[in-house]
């Protein structure tokens, strides 16, 4: 084979290679996607959107105030009550605010005079007790007279006024009673008793 024929064959081969390369350059992006080598036929992963959680709402708690309880359990309503002898009075108490004080008061209807007991009740947990030292023999009481014994809670001002009355009465041994009771004295319970001489 002559040199001219060999040269011609090489030129034809070079032309085929050149045309093939050009076609590949033109067709590749359309068939495989962009020329960056990523296959566009592959699905693109979907990134889920960022979800911002809703703020947690704090439940509203409604509390009902516990009612104050003050009761006289001894003496019983309608029972006999000694007027000349020492007698113990007992009751229950609960949920009393720190700024309230218990005091026991006695009166004889229809006389509106209140007679606070000389001793402030002692409180043991949810019970209280105090002592009645009698009403004396010279107050005109008759056997069988009706008396009212009341349990009162006092605010600080009323508490100080009753303590002042008791201190003065004890010093003079004269128990004149109070009318009316100081403002800030609230009755919570009472019993009606029959005085016995």
Protein backbone atom coordinates (compact mmCIF):
# COMPACT_ATOMS: atom_id res chain seq x y z
CA UNK A 1 0.00 0.00 0.00
CA UNK A 2 1.39 3.34 -0.95
CA UNK A 3 2.01 6.20 1.40
CA UNK A 4 -0.75 8.31 -0.19
CA UNK A 5 -3.30 5.64 0.50
CA UNK A 6 -2.17 5.28 4.11
CA UNK A 7 -2.35 9.05 4.61
CA UNK A 8 -5.85 9.12 3.17
CA UNK A 9 -7.01 6.38 5.50
CA UNK A 10 -5.56 8.21 8.52
CA UNK A 11 -7.32 11.43 7.46
CA UNK A 12 -10.64 9.58 7.19
CA UNK A 13 -10.14 8.02 10.65
CA UNK A 14 -9.27 11.41 12.15
CA UNK A 15 -12.37 12.95 10.60
CA UNK A 16 -14.58 10.18 12.01
CA UNK A 17 -13.08 10.63 15.49
CA UNK A 18 -13.56 14.39 15.33
CA UNK A 19 -17.19 14.13 14.19
CA UNK A 20 -17.90 11.48 16.85
CA UNK A 21 -16.40 13.63 19.58
CA UNK A 22 -18.43 16.65 18.46
CA UNK A 23 -21.66 14.62 18.40
CA UNK A 24 -20.91 13.22 21.84
CA UNK A 25 -20.32 16.74 23.18
CA UNK A 26 -23.60 17.97 21.73
CA UNK A 27 -25.81 14.95 22.54
CA UNK A 28 -24.49 14.05 26.03
CA UNK A 29 -26.05 16.95 27.95
CA UNK A 30 -29.47 16.29 26.42
CA UNK A 31 -29.39 12.60 27.16
CA UNK A 32 -27.69 12.58 30.55
CA UNK A 33 -28.51 16.02 31.81
CA UNK A 34 -26.08 18.85 32.55
CA UNK A 35 -22.48 18.35 31.68
CA UNK A 36 -21.51 18.28 35.37
CA UNK A 37 -21.85 14.52 35.33
CA UNK A 38 -25.06 14.33 37.44
CA UNK A 39 -27.63 11.94 36.06
CA UNK A 40 -30.81 14.01 35.82
CA UNK A 41 -32.88 10.87 35.58
CA UNK A 42 -32.09 10.11 39.25
CA UNK A 43 -34.70 11.53 41.66
CA UNK A 44 -33.54 14.48 43.73
CA UNK A 45 -33.98 13.77 47.46
CA UNK A 46 -36.67 15.88 49.12
CA UNK A 47 -35.63 17.60 52.33
CA UNK A 48 -38.61 17.83 54.70
CA UNK A 49 -39.40 21.37 55.88
CA UNK A 50 -38.32 22.36 59.36
CA UNK A 51 -41.32 22.20 61.69
CA UNK A 52 -41.36 24.69 64.57
CA UNK A 53 -43.11 23.06 67.53
CA UNK A 54 -45.99 24.99 69.03
CA UNK A 55 -45.29 26.36 72.52
CA UNK A 56 -46.61 24.13 75.29
CA UNK A 57 -49.41 25.88 77.12
CA UNK A 58 -49.26 25.63 80.88
CA UNK A 59 -52.66 24.50 82.20
CA UNK A 60 -54.41 26.98 84.45
CA UNK A 61 -54.97 25.48 87.90
CA UNK A 62 -57.84 26.98 89.83
CA UNK A 63 -57.76 26.41 93.55
CA UNK A 64 -60.74 26.82 95.81
CA UNK A 65 -59.93 28.32 99.20
CA UNK A 66 -60.47 25.82 102.01
CA UNK A 67 -63.20 27.10 104.34
CA UNK A 68 -62.25 28.02 107.88
CA UNK A 69 -63.69 25.64 110.47
CA UNK A 70 -64.37 26.60 114.09
CA UNK A 71 -66.78 24.51 116.17
CA UNK A 72 -67.76 24.09 119.81
CA UNK A 73 -68.04 20.38 120.63
CA UNK A 74 -68.29 20.63 124.45
CA UNK A 75 -70.63 21.67 125.94
CA UNK A 76 -73.35 20.36 123.65
CA UNK A 77 -76.14 22.59 122.48
CA UNK A 78 -78.98 22.45 125.05
CA UNK A 79 -76.87 20.83 127.75
CA UNK A 80 -76.46 21.92 131.38
CA UNK A 81 -73.58 24.26 132.13
CA UNK A 82 -72.22 24.90 135.64
CA UNK A 83 -72.23 28.60 136.51
CA UNK A 84 -70.25 28.38 139.76
CA UNK A 85 -67.77 25.60 139.02
CA UNK A 86 -64.80 25.33 136.72
CA UNK A 87 -65.71 23.78 133.39
CA UNK A 88 -63.64 22.85 130.34
CA UNK A 89 -64.81 23.80 126.87
CA UNK A 90 -63.53 21.94 123.81
CA UNK A 91 -63.88 22.37 120.07
CA UNK A 92 -62.32 21.88 116.64
CA UNK A 93 -60.49 24.40 114.50
CA UNK A 94 -58.82 24.24 111.08
CA UNK A 95 -57.59 26.39 108.19
CA UNK A 96 -57.51 29.55 110.28
CA UNK A 97 -55.30 32.32 108.82
CA UNK A 98 -52.23 33.26 110.85
CA UNK A 99 -53.60 36.74 111.47
CA UNK A 100 -56.78 35.48 113.20
CA UNK A 101 -57.15 34.50 116.85
CA UNK A 102 -59.78 32.36 118.56
CA UNK A 103 -61.65 33.59 121.63
CA UNK A 104 -64.69 32.22 123.46
CA UNK A 105 -67.41 34.62 124.58
CA UNK A 106 -70.49 34.18 126.76
CA UNK A 107 -73.69 36.23 127.06
CA UNK A 108 -77.11 35.93 128.65
CA UNK A 109 -80.03 36.87 126.37
CA UNK A 110 -81.71 39.28 126.14
CA UNK A 111 -78.84 41.16 127.79
CA UNK A 112 -76.52 42.18 124.90
CA UNK A 113 -73.38 42.32 127.08
CA UNK A 114 -70.58 39.97 125.93
CA UNK A 115 -68.26 38.35 128.48
CA UNK A 116 -65.01 37.12 126.95
CA UNK A 117 -63.51 34.20 128.84
CA UNK A 118 -60.43 35.11 130.84
CA UNK A 119 -58.17 32.59 129.10
CA UNK A 120 -57.33 32.55 125.42
CA UNK A 121 -58.07 29.04 124.05
CA UNK A 122 -55.12 26.69 123.73
CA UNK A 123 -54.89 25.11 120.27
CA UNK A 124 -53.53 21.58 119.75
CA UNK A 125 -53.45 20.71 116.06
CA UNK A 126 -57.07 20.84 114.95
CA UNK A 127 -58.62 21.05 118.44
CA UNK A 128 -58.90 23.80 121.00
CA UNK A 129 -59.83 24.00 124.65
CA UNK A 130 -60.31 26.63 127.33
CA UNK A 131 -61.60 26.94 130.89
CA UNK A 132 -64.67 28.67 132.32
CA UNK A 133 -64.14 29.70 135.95
CA UNK A 134 -67.83 30.40 136.62
CA UNK A 135 -69.83 33.59 136.57
CA UNK A 136 -70.06 34.17 140.34
CA UNK A 137 -73.01 34.23 142.69
CA UNK A 138 -73.77 37.94 142.76
CA UNK A 139 -74.79 38.53 139.15
CA UNK A 140 -78.48 37.74 139.54
CA UNK A 141 -78.39 34.46 137.59
CA UNK A 142 -81.09 31.91 138.28
CA UNK A 143 -80.86 28.18 137.97
CA UNK A 144 -82.18 27.27 134.53
CA UNK A 145 -81.30 30.57 132.83
CA UNK A 146 -80.26 30.28 129.20
CA UNK A 147 -76.78 31.35 128.14
CA UNK A 148 -75.11 31.58 124.76
CA UNK A 149 -71.48 30.54 124.32
CA UNK A 150 -69.93 31.73 121.07
CA UNK A 151 -66.65 30.98 119.27
CA UNK A 152 -65.18 34.07 117.59
CA UNK A 153 -62.20 34.71 115.37
CA UNK A 154 -60.56 38.08 115.94
CA UNK A 155 -58.37 40.17 113.68
CA UNK A 156 -55.28 41.75 115.24
CA UNK A 157 -57.06 44.92 116.38
CA UNK A 158 -59.98 43.10 118.02
CA UNK A 159 -57.55 40.62 119.56
CA UNK A 160 -55.59 43.41 121.26
CA UNK A 161 -58.80 45.06 122.52
CA UNK A 162 -60.08 41.87 124.13
CA UNK A 163 -56.70 41.13 125.71
CA UNK A 164 -56.72 44.66 127.14
CA UNK A 165 -60.25 44.12 128.54
CA UNK A 166 -59.27 40.79 130.14
CA UNK A 167 -56.10 42.24 131.67
CA UNK A 168 -57.97 45.20 133.17
CA UNK A 169 -60.85 43.03 134.44
CA UNK A 170 -58.46 40.55 136.07
CA UNK A 171 -56.52 43.35 137.74
CA UNK A 172 -59.67 44.87 139.27
CA UNK A 173 -61.60 41.58 139.60
CA UNK A 174 -64.49 43.36 137.92
CA UNK A 175 -65.89 41.73 134.81
CA UNK A 176 -68.27 44.28 133.36
CA UNK A 177 -68.44 42.74 129.91
CA UNK A 178 -68.21 44.40 126.50
CA UNK A 179 -70.84 45.92 124.27
CA UNK A 180 -70.49 45.70 121.43
CA UNK A 181 -67.64 43.34 120.71
CA UNK A 182 -64.76 45.05 118.90
CA UNK A 183 -65.01 45.46 115.15
CA UNK A 184 -63.09 42.60 113.61
CA UNK A 185 -64.69 39.91 115.81
CA UNK A 186 -66.51 37.32 113.71
CA UNK A 187 -68.73 34.61 115.17
CA UNK A 188 -68.18 31.11 113.72
CA UNK A 189 -70.20 28.91 116.06
CA UNK A 190 -72.34 29.05 119.18
CA UNK A 191 -74.26 26.78 121.53
CA UNK A 192 -77.17 27.50 123.85
CA UNK A 193 -76.74 26.05 127.35
CA UNK A 194 -78.79 25.91 130.52
CA UNK A 195 -77.06 27.50 133.49
CA UNK A 196 -76.94 25.45 136.68
CA UNK A 197 -76.13 26.82 140.12
